[in-house]
Amino acid sequence: MQATARALIITAVLFCSASAWAQAPASTGPLTAAERAALFPARSMIEKGRAIAESSCARCHGMDGISTDEQRPKLAGQRTVYLYRVIQAYQNGQRVDDSMGHAGGFLNDEGMLAVATYYASLTPVGNLPAVDESVTENVPVDDPFGDVRATLQKCTKCHGENGNSTADGMPNLTAQDPAYFKTSMQAYVDGDRSHKMMTKLAGSLDEQTIATMGVFYAVQQPKRSETAATGNELAGRKLAKDCATCHGDDGNADAADTPSLAGQDARYFVKAMHEYREGVRKGKSMSKAAEGLSEQDMLDLAAFYTAREPAQRNVRTPLTAAEWTQRCERCHGMDGNSTDPRFPMLAGQNPGYLEKALKAYAGKVRENSTMHAMADPLSTSDIQNIVNYFAAQQPKSVVYMNLPCAEADAK
């Protein structure tokens, strides 16, 4: 494997002007003169780095940079400037790890650069024999709702395959904001809504699952209920004027915590209003509104709202695993082989370490605003798919070429 890895080398071109890095995020910053020089190290610098690695780094990362602990990163072939800045981050407290603070706490800038160039000069080794290659085949066609498909099937009998119910008396789950879906599910758990089966189902689900389910139903195309309404639609239109402030003129609400009523099942609507009036459903404003309605008023309102066309909420469909990896590649290079010395190579990295790192960014344990934004919306399956993909890629060394500026040549 090492012989194969040696043949895989990326060549990257650097220009002498710092303007080439002007678009980089502030957290990464342009290359300093010392960092640029370290991309073309002398043998003496690498040897110095080797001596430091032997005394301070090898116990955890190995002299060959191939850590056998999945929770620790491989360093062989990693990008020089990235390694240097990471050691700096541990030294100044931006990253916290007792073992790293102890190992690199005594190093000056020259020592940090030297050990970074040593590990960057080593041949990277991938995980191809250790990682199931079949995971990469699933990445391009990955289902962003894969985590909740089994749970969604439990809802199909009552609410339809995509949340548009065809059963009389059952609500459509489409056209609602995920925030309202979450509030509704929590209401069953807290006893603010009474329904034995729903209380049991909602109580068995974790917060992430409920949130993902809410997004799934929000991004489906909503349809009007197919069940018949027995009330008077015109009478309902007049009554609905008092509801428009919260639920919209046509039953399509704008607020995330307010349900849209357009296209909703008429029988379900009347049942919900009864529950508010009787105190079975908790909701101060709705209980007060329901108290002033007669039975016919409820039927008429139901007839008006069920005839309205429901509008899909402005919610983005989650990215597939392939789309996530493509976003990662903007900074980390094709298949995770970065050509920018400031960004780490992800290809062939220990999967346990990749997973730990992504969770640290999602939890804002590590400082990096760009990575916080990237990692925050990731689900458990998103993280696993990203990890599996990059861990299974072949890592490649990088060789830099420093080209002079045209302006300098002209002078």
Foldseek 3Di string as FASTA:
>chain_A
DLVVQQVFAAEAEAEPDQVVCVPPDPVLDTDDPVQVVLLVDDPVLLVLLLVLCVVFPCVQQNSLQNGPDLQDKRQALKFQQQQLVVLVCCLVVLADDVSSVVRSVPDDSSNSSSNSSNRNNHRDFFCQVPFDPVLQVCQVVFDQLVVQQVVLVVVCVQQNNQQNGQDAQGKRLELAALVQQLVVLVCLCVQLADDVVSNVSSVVDDPLNSSSSSLSRLPDAYFAHPDDFDAAQVLLLVVCVVVCVAQNSQQRGDDNNGHRLARIRLNNQLVVLVCLCVSSHDDVVSVVVSVPDDSNNSSNNSNNRSNGGRDRHPHDDDDGLNVLLVVVCVQQNDLQAHQDSNDTRLARISLSNQLVVLVCLLVVSRDDVVSVVSSVPDDPVSSVSNSSSRSNGSYHRYRYDYDYDPVVVVD
